[in-house]
PDB file of all heavy atoms in Angstrom:
ATOM      1  N   THR A   1      21.564  12.437  22.608  1.00  0.00           N
ATOM      2  CA  THR A   1      22.620  11.482  22.953  1.00  0.00           C
ATOM      3  C   THR A   1      22.994  11.600  24.433  1.00  0.00           C
ATOM      4  O   THR A   1      23.188  10.598  25.117  1.00  0.00           O
ATOM      5  CB  THR A   1      23.865  11.716  22.071  1.00  0.00           C
ATOM      6  OG1 THR A   1      23.483  11.561  20.702  1.00  0.00           O
ATOM      7  CG2 THR A   1      24.977  10.744  22.408  1.00  0.00           C
ATOM      8  N   ARG A   2      23.071  12.829  24.925  1.00  0.00           N
ATOM      9  CA  ARG A   2      23.405  13.064  26.337  1.00  0.00           C
ATOM     10  C   ARG A   2      22.203  12.865  27.258  1.00  0.00           C
ATOM     11  O   ARG A   2      22.321  13.010  28.472  1.00  0.00           O
ATOM     12  CB  ARG A   2      23.943  14.481  26.513  1.00  0.00           C
ATOM     13  CG  ARG A   2      25.283  14.727  25.860  1.00  0.00           C
ATOM     14  CD  ARG A   2      25.921  16.044  26.305  1.00  0.00           C
ATOM     15  NE  ARG A   2      25.024  17.151  26.450  1.00  0.00           N
ATOM     16  CZ  ARG A   2      24.913  18.188  25.606  1.00  0.00           C
ATOM     17  NH1 ARG A   2      25.655  18.244  24.527  1.00  0.00           N
ATOM     18  NH2 ARG A   2      24.072  19.165  25.837  1.00  0.00           N
ATOM     19  N   GLU A   3      21.034  12.604  26.660  1.00  0.00           N
ATOM     20  CA  GLU A   3      19.787  12.438  27.402  1.00  0.00           C
ATOM     21  C   GLU A   3      19.430  13.669  28.228  1.00  0.00           C
ATOM     22  O   GLU A   3      18.885  13.558  29.336  1.00  0.00           O
ATOM     23  CB  GLU A   3      19.817  11.175  28.257  1.00  0.00           C
ATOM     24  CG  GLU A   3      19.962   9.905  27.457  1.00  0.00           C
ATOM     25  CD  GLU A   3      19.985   8.648  28.300  1.00  0.00           C
ATOM     26  OE1 GLU A   3      19.978   8.739  29.549  1.00  0.00           O
ATOM     27  OE2 GLU A   3      20.020   7.565  27.700  1.00  0.00           O
ATOM     28  N   SER A   4      19.726  14.845  27.683  1.00  0.00           N
ATOM     29  CA  SER A   4      19.382  16.088  28.377  1.00  0.00           C
ATOM     30  C   SER A   4      18.188  16.789  27.723  1.00  0.00           C
ATOM     31  O   SER A   4      17.894  17.939  28.029  1.00  0.00           O
ATOM     32  CB  SER A   4      20.591  17.024  28.415  1.00  0.00           C
ATOM     33  OG  SER A   4      20.966  17.398  27.100  1.00  0.00           O
ATOM     34  N   LEU A   5      17.500  16.076  26.837  1.00  0.00           N
ATOM     35  CA  LEU A   5      16.331  16.623  26.164  1.00  0.00           C
ATOM     36  C   LEU A   5      15.346  15.497  25.895  1.00  0.00           C
ATOM     37  O   LEU A   5      15.723  14.440  25.408  1.00  0.00           O
ATOM     38  CB  LEU A   5      16.737  17.272  24.827  1.00  0.00           C
ATOM     39  CG  LEU A   5      15.620  17.836  23.960  1.00  0.00           C
ATOM     40  CD1 LEU A   5      14.994  19.075  24.621  1.00  0.00           C
ATOM     41  CD2 LEU A   5      16.157  18.200  22.578  1.00  0.00           C
ATOM     42  N   ASP A   6      14.089  15.740  26.264  1.00  0.00           N
ATOM     43  CA  ASP A   6      13.009  14.826  25.886  1.00  0.00           C
ATOM     44  C   ASP A   6      12.393  15.395  24.613  1.00  0.00           C
ATOM     45  O   ASP A   6      12.056  16.580  24.563  1.00  0.00           O
ATOM     46  CB  ASP A   6      11.933  14.757  26.973  1.00  0.00           C
ATOM     47  CG  ASP A   6      12.384  13.976  28.186  1.00  0.00           C
ATOM     48  OD1 ASP A   6      13.176  13.029  28.015  1.00  0.00           O
ATOM     49  OD2 ASP A   6      11.953  14.317  29.294  1.00  0.00           O
ATOM     50  N   LEU A   7      12.242  14.565  23.617  1.00  0.00           N
ATOM     51  CA  LEU A   7      11.729  15.000  22.323  1.00  0.00           C
ATOM     52  C   LEU A   7      10.529  14.135  21.959  1.00  0.00           C
ATOM     53  O   LEU A   7      10.611  12.904  21.984  1.00  0.00           O
ATOM     54  CB  LEU A   7      12.826  14.867  21.267  1.00  0.00           C
ATOM     55  CG  LEU A   7      12.538  15.330  19.855  1.00  0.00           C
ATOM     56  CD1 LEU A   7      12.145  16.800  19.823  1.00  0.00           C
ATOM     57  CD2 LEU A   7      13.773  15.106  18.987  1.00  0.00           C
ATOM     58  N   HIS A   8       9.412  14.800  21.665  1.00  0.00           N
ATOM     59  CA  HIS A   8       8.182  14.087  21.338  1.00  0.00           C
ATOM     60  C   HIS A   8       7.635  14.614  20.019  1.00  0.00           C
ATOM     61  O   HIS A   8       7.649  15.819  19.771  1.00  0.00           O
ATOM     62  CB  HIS A   8       7.131  14.265  22.432  1.00  0.00           C
ATOM     63  CG  HIS A   8       7.604  13.843  23.772  1.00  0.00           C
ATOM     64  ND1 HIS A   8       7.667  12.526  24.166  1.00  0.00           N
ATOM     65  CD2 HIS A   8       8.083  14.572  24.817  1.00  0.00           C
ATOM     66  CE1 HIS A   8       8.134  12.455  25.398  1.00  0.00           C
ATOM     67  NE2 HIS A   8       8.407  13.680  25.810  1.00  0.00           N
ATOM     68  N   PHE A   9       7.132  13.699  19.206  1.00  0.00           N
ATOM     69  CA  PHE A   9       6.502  14.051  17.942  1.00  0.00           C
ATOM     70  C   PHE A   9       5.061  13.563  17.997  1.00  0.00           C
ATOM     71  O   PHE A   9       4.809  12.364  18.098  1.00  0.00           O
ATOM     72  CB  PHE A   9       7.240  13.403  16.768  1.00  0.00           C
ATOM     73  CG  PHE A   9       8.681  13.812  16.673  1.00  0.00           C
ATOM     74  CD1 PHE A   9       9.692  12.925  17.001  1.00  0.00           C
ATOM     75  CD2 PHE A   9       9.032  15.093  16.269  1.00  0.00           C
ATOM     76  CE1 PHE A   9      11.020  13.293  16.915  1.00  0.00           C
ATOM     77  CE2 PHE A   9      10.357  15.476  16.192  1.00  0.00           C
ATOM     78  CZ  PHE A   9      11.357  14.577  16.511  1.00  0.00           C
ATOM     79  N   LEU A  10       4.129  14.506  17.956  1.00  0.00           N
ATOM     80  CA  LEU A  10       2.711  14.168  17.986  1.00  0.00           C
ATOM     81  C   LEU A  10       2.059  14.585  16.676  1.00  0.00           C
ATOM     82  O   LEU A  10       2.465  15.568  16.051  1.00  0.00           O
ATOM     83  CB  LEU A  10       2.008  14.877  19.141  1.00  0.00           C
ATOM     84  CG  LEU A  10       2.548  14.622  20.544  1.00  0.00           C
ATOM     85  CD1 LEU A  10       1.775  15.443  21.560  1.00  0.00           C
ATOM     86  CD2 LEU A  10       2.494  13.152  20.879  1.00  0.00           C
ATOM     87  N   PHE A  11       1.049  13.851  16.296  1.00  0.00           N
ATOM     88  CA  PHE A  11       0.301  14.173  15.082  1.00  0.00           C
ATOM     89  C   PHE A  11      -1.175  14.115  15.434  1.00  0.00           C
ATOM     90  O   PHE A  11      -1.648  13.118  15.990  1.00  0.00           O
ATOM     91  CB  PHE A  11       0.643  13.169  13.974  1.00  0.00           C
ATOM     92  CG  PHE A  11       0.215  13.607  12.605  1.00  0.00           C
ATOM     93  CD1 PHE A  11       0.884  14.640  11.949  1.00  0.00           C
ATOM     94  CD2 PHE A  11      -0.847  13.000  11.979  1.00  0.00           C
ATOM     95  CE1 PHE A  11       0.501  15.042  10.688  1.00  0.00           C
ATOM     96  CE2 PHE A  11      -1.249  13.401  10.712  1.00  0.00           C
ATOM     97  CZ  PHE A  11      -0.572  14.425  10.061  1.00  0.00           C
ATOM     98  N   TYR A  12      -1.871  15.200  15.161  1.00  0.00           N
ATOM     99  CA  TYR A  12      -3.290  15.302  15.481  1.00  0.00           C
ATOM    100  C   TYR A  12      -4.105  14.840  14.280  1.00  0.00           C
ATOM    101  O   TYR A  12      -3.992  15.401  13.193  1.00  0.00           O
ATOM    102  CB  TYR A  12      -3.636  16.749  15.839  1.00  0.00           C
ATOM    103  CG  TYR A  12      -5.070  16.961  16.213  1.00  0.00           C
ATOM    104  CD1 TYR A  12      -5.590  16.395  17.374  1.00  0.00           C
ATOM    105  CD2 TYR A  12      -5.907  17.733  15.425  1.00  0.00           C
ATOM    106  CE1 TYR A  12      -6.910  16.599  17.738  1.00  0.00           C
ATOM    107  CE2 TYR A  12      -7.228  17.946  15.780  1.00  0.00           C
ATOM    108  CZ  TYR A  12      -7.727  17.373  16.933  1.00  0.00           C
ATOM    109  OH  TYR A  12      -9.032  17.574  17.290  1.00  0.00           O
ATOM    110  N   ARG A  13      -4.886  13.817  14.471  1.00  0.00           N
ATOM    111  CA  ARG A  13      -5.772  13.307  13.424  1.00  0.00           C
ATOM    112  C   ARG A  13      -7.099  14.065  13.558  1.00  0.00           C
ATOM    113  O   ARG A  13      -7.970  13.668  14.335  1.00  0.00           O
ATOM    114  CB  ARG A  13      -5.991  11.809  13.578  1.00  0.00           C
ATOM    115  CG  ARG A  13      -4.699  11.022  13.550  1.00  0.00           C
ATOM    116  CD  ARG A  13      -4.607  10.203  12.302  1.00  0.00           C
ATOM    117  NE  ARG A  13      -3.426   9.350  12.341  1.00  0.00           N
ATOM    118  CZ  ARG A  13      -2.487   9.404  11.416  1.00  0.00           C
ATOM    119  NH1 ARG A  13      -2.601  10.228  10.407  1.00  0.00           N
ATOM    120  NH2 ARG A  13      -1.448   8.609  11.496  1.00  0.00           N
ATOM    121  N   ALA A  14      -7.194  15.162  12.812  1.00  0.00           N
ATOM    122  CA  ALA A  14      -8.343  16.049  12.932  1.00  0.00           C
ATOM    123  C   ALA A  14      -9.659  15.346  12.629  1.00  0.00           C
ATOM    124  O   ALA A  14     -10.685  15.658  13.235  1.00  0.00           O
ATOM    125  CB  ALA A  14      -8.166  17.253  12.005  1.00  0.00           C
ATOM    126  N   GLU A  15      -9.636  14.386  11.715  1.00  0.00           N
ATOM    127  CA  GLU A  15     -10.868  13.693  11.337  1.00  0.00           C
ATOM    128  C   GLU A  15     -11.456  12.873  12.478  1.00  0.00           C
ATOM    129  O   GLU A  15     -12.655  12.645  12.534  1.00  0.00           O
ATOM    130  CB  GLU A  15     -10.642  12.815  10.092  1.00  0.00           C
ATOM    131  CG  GLU A  15      -9.601  11.739  10.246  1.00  0.00           C
ATOM    132  CD  GLU A  15      -8.152  12.198  10.068  1.00  0.00           C
ATOM    133  OE1 GLU A  15      -7.875  13.411   9.933  1.00  0.00           O
ATOM    134  OE2 GLU A  15      -7.276  11.319  10.085  1.00  0.00           O
ATOM    135  N   SER A  16     -10.624  12.456  13.434  1.00  0.00           N
ATOM    136  CA  SER A  16     -11.120  11.679  14.570  1.00  0.00           C
ATOM    137  C   SER A  16     -10.907  12.395  15.901  1.00  0.00           C
ATOM    138  O   SER A  16     -11.402  11.931  16.928  1.00  0.00           O
ATOM    139  CB  SER A  16     -10.437  10.306  14.616  1.00  0.00           C
ATOM    140  OG  SER A  16      -9.035  10.456  14.774  1.00  0.00           O
ATOM    141  N   GLY A  17     -10.158  13.481  15.910  1.00  0.00           N
ATOM    142  CA  GLY A  17      -9.892  14.211  17.144  1.00  0.00           C
ATOM    143  C   GLY A  17      -8.926  13.513  18.072  1.00  0.00           C
ATOM    144  O   GLY A  17      -8.926  13.746  19.273  1.00  0.00           O
ATOM    145  N   VAL A  18      -8.045  12.665  17.525  1.00  0.00           N
ATOM    146  CA  VAL A  18      -7.122  11.867  18.322  1.00  0.00           C
ATOM    147  C   VAL A  18      -5.679  12.308  18.072  1.00  0.00           C
ATOM    148  O   VAL A  18      -5.285  12.542  16.933  1.00  0.00           O
ATOM    149  CB  VAL A  18      -7.277  10.360  17.971  1.00  0.00           C
ATOM    150  CG1 VAL A  18      -6.223   9.517  18.646  1.00  0.00           C
ATOM    151  CG2 VAL A  18      -8.667   9.879  18.318  1.00  0.00           C
ATOM    152  N   PHE A  19      -4.917  12.420  19.146  1.00  0.00           N
ATOM    153  CA  PHE A  19      -3.481  12.647  19.026  1.00  0.00           C
ATOM    154  C   PHE A  19      -2.796  11.283  18.948  1.00  0.00           C
ATOM    155  O   PHE A  19      -3.132  10.375  19.702  1.00  0.00           O
ATOM    156  CB  PHE A  19      -2.921  13.381  20.256  1.00  0.00           C
ATOM    157  CG  PHE A  19      -3.226  14.848  20.276  1.00  0.00           C
ATOM    158  CD1 PHE A  19      -4.310  15.329  20.987  1.00  0.00           C
ATOM    159  CD2 PHE A  19      -2.422  15.746  19.594  1.00  0.00           C
ATOM    160  CE1 PHE A  19      -4.591  16.685  21.022  1.00  0.00           C
ATOM    161  CE2 PHE A  19      -2.694  17.099  19.619  1.00  0.00           C
ATOM    162  CZ  PHE A  19      -3.784  17.572  20.337  1.00  0.00           C
ATOM    163  N   VAL A  20      -1.842  11.170  18.028  1.00  0.00           N
ATOM    164  CA  VAL A  20      -1.013   9.970  17.970  1.00  0.00           C
ATOM    165  C   VAL A  20       0.434  10.411  18.122  1.00  0.00           C
ATOM    166  O   VAL A  20       0.796  11.535  17.767  1.00  0.00           O
ATOM    167  CB  VAL A  20      -1.205   9.169  16.656  1.00  0.00           C
ATOM    168  CG1 VAL A  20      -2.602   8.568  16.592  1.00  0.00           C
ATOM    169  CG2 VAL A  20      -0.929  10.000  15.434  1.00  0.00           C
ATOM    170  N   ALA A  21       1.237   9.544  18.697  1.00  0.00           N
ATOM    171  CA  ALA A  21       2.667   9.826  18.841  1.00  0.00           C
ATOM    172  C   ALA A  21       3.404   9.145  17.696  1.00  0.00           C
ATOM    173  O   ALA A  21       2.996   8.079  17.227  1.00  0.00           O
ATOM    174  CB  ALA A  21       3.176   9.309  20.179  1.00  0.00           C
ATOM    175  N   HIS A  22       4.476   9.759  17.271  1.00  0.00           N
ATOM    176  CA  HIS A  22       5.292   9.192  16.205  1.00  0.00           C
ATOM    177  C   HIS A  22       6.620   8.751  16.798  1.00  0.00           C
ATOM    178  O   HIS A  22       7.265   9.506  17.524  1.00  0.00           O
ATOM    179  CB  HIS A  22       5.531  10.218  15.103  1.00  0.00           C
ATOM    180  CG  HIS A  22       6.493   9.751  14.059  1.00  0.00           C
ATOM    181  ND1 HIS A  22       6.224   8.697  13.214  1.00  0.00           N
ATOM    182  CD2 HIS A  22       7.736  10.176  13.736  1.00  0.00           C
ATOM    183  CE1 HIS A  22       7.260   8.509  12.413  1.00  0.00           C
ATOM    184  NE2 HIS A  22       8.189   9.395  12.718  1.00  0.00           N
ATOM    185  N   ASP A  23       7.010   7.526  16.476  1.00  0.00           N
ATOM    186  CA  ASP A  23       8.306   7.006  16.888  1.00  0.00           C
ATOM    187  C   ASP A  23       9.202   6.981  15.655  1.00  0.00           C
ATOM    188  O   ASP A  23       9.025   6.122  14.788  1.00  0.00           O
ATOM    189  CB  ASP A  23       8.160   5.602  17.467  1.00  0.00           C
ATOM    190  CG  ASP A  23       9.465   5.070  18.035  1.00  0.00           C
ATOM    191  OD1 ASP A  23      10.541   5.632  17.727  1.00  0.00           O
ATOM    192  OD2 ASP A  23       9.406   4.081  18.789  1.00  0.00           O
ATOM    193  N   PRO A  24      10.156   7.924  15.560  1.00  0.00           N
ATOM    194  CA  PRO A  24      10.998   7.992  14.364  1.00  0.00           C
ATOM    195  C   PRO A  24      11.952   6.817  14.213  1.00  0.00           C
ATOM    196  O   PRO A  24      12.462   6.574  13.119  1.00  0.00           O
ATOM    197  CB  PRO A  24      11.764   9.299  14.532  1.00  0.00           C
ATOM    198  CG  PRO A  24      11.692   9.621  15.967  1.00  0.00           C
ATOM    199  CD  PRO A  24      10.457   8.975  16.511  1.00  0.00           C
ATOM    200  N   ARG A  25      12.160   6.047  15.289  1.00  0.00           N
ATOM    201  CA  ARG A  25      13.065   4.898  15.184  1.00  0.00           C
ATOM    202  C   ARG A  25      12.514   3.833  14.248  1.00  0.00           C
ATOM    203  O   ARG A  25      13.259   3.208  13.504  1.00  0.00           O
ATOM    204  CB  ARG A  25      13.343   4.304  16.559  1.00  0.00           C
ATOM    205  CG  ARG A  25      14.132   5.266  17.460  1.00  0.00           C
ATOM    206  CD  ARG A  25      14.210   4.732  18.848  1.00  0.00           C
ATOM    207  NE  ARG A  25      12.845   4.754  19.383  1.00  0.00           N
ATOM    208  CZ  ARG A  25      12.524   4.500  20.636  1.00  0.00           C
ATOM    209  NH1 ARG A  25      13.457   4.158  21.481  1.00  0.00           N
ATOM    210  NH2 ARG A  25      11.277   4.570  21.043  1.00  0.00           N
ATOM    211  N   ASP A  26      11.200   3.616  14.283  1.00  0.00           N
ATOM    212  CA  ASP A  26      10.633   2.603  13.388  1.00  0.00           C
ATOM    213  C   ASP A  26       9.553   3.177  12.459  1.00  0.00           C
ATOM    214  O   ASP A  26       8.932   2.453  11.689  1.00  0.00           O
ATOM    215  CB  ASP A  26      10.061   1.429  14.183  1.00  0.00           C
ATOM    216  CG  ASP A  26       8.903   1.806  15.088  1.00  0.00           C
ATOM    217  OD1 ASP A  26       8.403   2.948  15.011  1.00  0.00           O
ATOM    218  OD2 ASP A  26       8.464   0.947  15.878  1.00  0.00           O
ATOM    219  N   GLY A  27       9.331   4.494  12.533  1.00  0.00           N
ATOM    220  CA  GLY A  27       8.371   5.147  11.644  1.00  0.00           C
ATOM    221  C   GLY A  27       6.924   4.923  11.997  1.00  0.00           C
ATOM    222  O   GLY A  27       6.031   5.271  11.230  1.00  0.00           O
ATOM    223  N   SER A  28       6.649   4.369  13.166  1.00  0.00           N
ATOM    224  CA  SER A  28       5.271   4.035  13.524  1.00  0.00           C
ATOM    225  C   SER A  28       4.569   5.194  14.233  1.00  0.00           C
ATOM    226  O   SER A  28       5.190   6.091  14.791  1.00  0.00           O
ATOM    227  CB  SER A  28       5.245   2.804  14.420  1.00  0.00           C
ATOM    228  OG  SER A  28       5.862   3.088  15.664  1.00  0.00           O
ATOM    229  N   PHE A  29       3.242   5.131  14.188  1.00  0.00           N
ATOM    230  CA  PHE A  29       2.383   6.022  14.953  1.00  0.00           C
ATOM    231  C   PHE A  29       1.622   5.150  15.936  1.00  0.00           C
ATOM    232  O   PHE A  29       1.228   4.031  15.617  1.00  0.00           O
ATOM    233  CB  PHE A  29       1.372   6.726  14.025  1.00  0.00           C
ATOM    234  CG  PHE A  29       1.970   7.814  13.194  1.00  0.00           C
ATOM    235  CD1 PHE A  29       2.410   7.551  11.909  1.00  0.00           C
ATOM    236  CD2 PHE A  29       2.077   9.106  13.680  1.00  0.00           C
ATOM    237  CE1 PHE A  29       2.945   8.553  11.124  1.00  0.00           C
ATOM    238  CE2 PHE A  29       2.617  10.110  12.893  1.00  0.00           C
ATOM    239  CZ  PHE A  29       3.053   9.834  11.620  1.00  0.00           C
ATOM    240  N   TYR A  30       1.426   5.655  17.137  1.00  0.00           N
ATOM    241  CA  TYR A  30       0.609   4.928  18.102  1.00  0.00           C
ATOM    242  C   TYR A  30      -0.294   5.901  18.836  1.00  0.00           C
ATOM    243  O   TYR A  30       0.068   7.049  19.092  1.00  0.00           O
ATOM    244  CB  TYR A  30       1.454   4.093  19.077  1.00  0.00           C
ATOM    245  CG  TYR A  30       2.506   4.870  19.839  1.00  0.00           C
ATOM    246  CD1 TYR A  30       2.235   5.388  21.090  1.00  0.00           C
ATOM    247  CD2 TYR A  30       3.771   5.095  19.297  1.00  0.00           C
ATOM    248  CE1 TYR A  30       3.187   6.102  21.800  1.00  0.00           C
ATOM    249  CE2 TYR A  30       4.735   5.807  19.983  1.00  0.00           C
ATOM    250  CZ  TYR A  30       4.431   6.320  21.233  1.00  0.00           C
ATOM    251  OH  TYR A  30       5.377   7.033  21.920  1.00  0.00           O
ATOM    252  N   ALA A  31      -1.500   5.462  19.135  1.00  0.00           N
ATOM    253  CA  ALA A  31      -2.518   6.316  19.748  1.00  0.00           C
ATOM    254  C   ALA A  31      -2.158   6.653  21.186  1.00  0.00           C
ATOM    255  O   ALA A  31      -1.592   5.832  21.911  1.00  0.00           O
ATOM    256  CB  ALA A  31      -3.874   5.631  19.696  1.00  0.00           C
TER     257      ALA A  31
END
């Protein structure tokens, strides 16, 4: 809320070797 922390959620798709980011605001994953 105070914008004093950057928070990132990444998910590693081991089957393809790709990291995707997760946006908890809308529940989406993007490469």
